[in-house]
Amino acid sequence: MKALKRGKNISVNVENITTFGLWLFANGREYFLSYKDYPCFKDQTLKAIQNVELIHGYHLHWPDLDVDLETDNLENPEKYPLKSKPIKTGSSRNPVGRAA
């Protein structure tokens, strides 16, 4: 994906998707986003993962996944200790109004 900002090409590209995570190239740097650290990408479609935009030169946006990251998150993960957790579906809780 390419974006034009003040006459300069700013590009971002998903280079590879593996069983462990994905390789992303942005602003001339390569990043590895593991599914352990970024579970929002696991089990997503190839099309949804590859549909990434680079906004303002530092903001990564996946519109199909409603995911937003800044390149600083990838370059300095120690500054961002909070991690997202996958939402579990198929809960064993009883449906509303039903007795256990």
Protein backbone atom coordinates (compact mmCIF):
# COMPACT_ATOMS: atom_id res chain seq x y z
CA MET A 1 0.00 0.00 0.00
CA LYS A 2 1.31 3.46 -0.80
CA ALA A 3 0.26 6.82 0.42
CA LEU A 4 1.32 10.23 -0.83
CA LYS A 5 2.28 12.85 1.75
CA ARG A 6 3.64 16.23 0.70
CA GLY A 7 5.17 14.82 -2.44
CA LYS A 8 6.92 11.86 -0.79
CA ASN A 9 5.98 8.22 -1.08
CA ILE A 10 5.42 6.57 2.28
CA SER A 11 4.94 2.87 1.96
CA VAL A 12 3.89 -0.03 4.12
CA ASN A 13 3.73 -3.64 3.08
CA VAL A 14 3.06 -7.00 4.69
CA GLU A 15 6.10 -8.95 3.51
CA ASN A 16 5.33 -12.41 4.89
CA ILE A 17 2.76 -14.22 7.00
CA THR A 18 3.85 -17.32 8.92
CA THR A 19 2.32 -19.63 11.51
CA PHE A 20 4.05 -17.51 14.19
CA GLY A 21 3.19 -13.99 13.03
CA LEU A 22 3.67 -11.51 10.23
CA TRP A 23 6.54 -9.47 8.81
CA LEU A 24 5.74 -5.84 8.10
CA PHE A 25 7.87 -3.33 6.17
CA ALA A 26 7.18 0.33 7.00
CA ASN A 27 9.27 3.49 6.69
CA GLY A 28 12.29 1.54 5.49
CA ARG A 29 12.26 -0.80 8.51
CA GLU A 30 11.13 -4.37 8.94
CA TYR A 31 9.07 -5.49 11.93
CA PHE A 32 7.90 -8.89 13.17
CA LEU A 33 4.48 -8.95 14.81
CA SER A 34 4.05 -12.26 16.61
CA TYR A 35 0.58 -13.66 17.17
CA LYS A 36 1.51 -14.01 20.84
CA ASP A 37 2.01 -10.25 21.15
CA TYR A 38 -0.59 -9.26 18.54
CA PRO A 39 -3.37 -11.87 18.72
CA CYS A 40 -5.71 -9.65 16.70
CA PHE A 41 -3.97 -10.86 13.52
CA LYS A 42 -4.22 -14.59 14.23
CA ASP A 43 -6.84 -16.47 12.20
CA GLN A 44 -7.59 -13.44 10.01
CA THR A 45 -7.84 -13.53 6.24
CA LEU A 46 -4.86 -12.80 4.07
CA LYS A 47 -6.76 -9.94 2.44
CA ALA A 48 -7.61 -8.32 5.79
CA ILE A 49 -4.01 -8.50 7.05
CA GLN A 50 -2.57 -7.14 3.81
CA ASN A 51 -5.00 -4.21 3.79
CA VAL A 52 -2.84 -1.90 5.90
CA GLU A 53 -2.43 1.86 5.63
CA LEU A 54 0.35 4.11 6.89
CA ILE A 55 -1.09 7.40 8.07
CA HIS A 56 1.08 10.46 8.89
CA GLY A 57 4.22 8.34 8.55
CA TYR A 58 3.81 6.54 11.91
CA HIS A 59 0.22 5.35 12.32
CA LEU A 60 -0.54 1.84 11.01
CA HIS A 61 -4.21 1.16 10.37
CA TRP A 62 -5.92 -2.08 9.34
CA PRO A 63 -9.45 -0.95 8.40
CA ASP A 64 -10.85 -4.46 7.90
CA LEU A 65 -9.67 -5.52 11.36
CA ASP A 66 -10.24 -2.24 13.24
CA VAL A 67 -6.61 -2.38 14.44
CA ASP A 68 -4.39 0.66 14.95
CA LEU A 69 -0.72 0.67 15.96
CA GLU A 70 2.01 3.27 15.92
CA THR A 71 5.47 2.38 14.71
CA ASP A 72 6.78 3.40 18.15
CA ASN A 73 4.85 0.43 19.61
CA LEU A 74 6.89 -1.85 17.36
CA GLU A 75 10.22 -0.09 17.85
CA ASN A 76 9.97 0.28 21.65
CA PRO A 77 7.69 -2.46 23.01
CA GLU A 78 9.06 -2.01 26.54
CA LYS A 79 7.29 1.38 26.67
CA TYR A 80 3.94 -0.36 26.11
CA PRO A 81 3.58 -3.20 28.63
CA LEU A 82 -0.18 -3.63 28.22
CA LYS A 83 -1.10 -6.29 25.70
CA SER A 84 -4.43 -7.08 24.14
CA LYS A 85 -5.99 -10.44 24.81
CA PRO A 86 -8.07 -12.42 22.33
CA ILE A 87 -11.79 -12.51 22.99
CA LYS A 88 -12.90 -16.05 23.60
CA THR A 89 -16.07 -17.10 21.85
CA GLY A 90 -18.29 -20.05 22.63
CA SER A 91 -18.36 -19.30 26.33
CA SER A 92 -19.55 -22.04 28.67
CA ARG A 93 -21.77 -19.58 30.53
CA ASN A 94 -25.47 -20.25 30.53
CA PRO A 95 -27.62 -18.16 28.21
CA VAL A 96 -29.67 -15.43 29.86
CA GLY A 97 -32.84 -16.74 31.51
CA ARG A 98 -31.75 -20.38 31.71
CA ALA A 99 -31.06 -22.16 34.95
CA ALA A 100 -27.82 -23.98 35.52
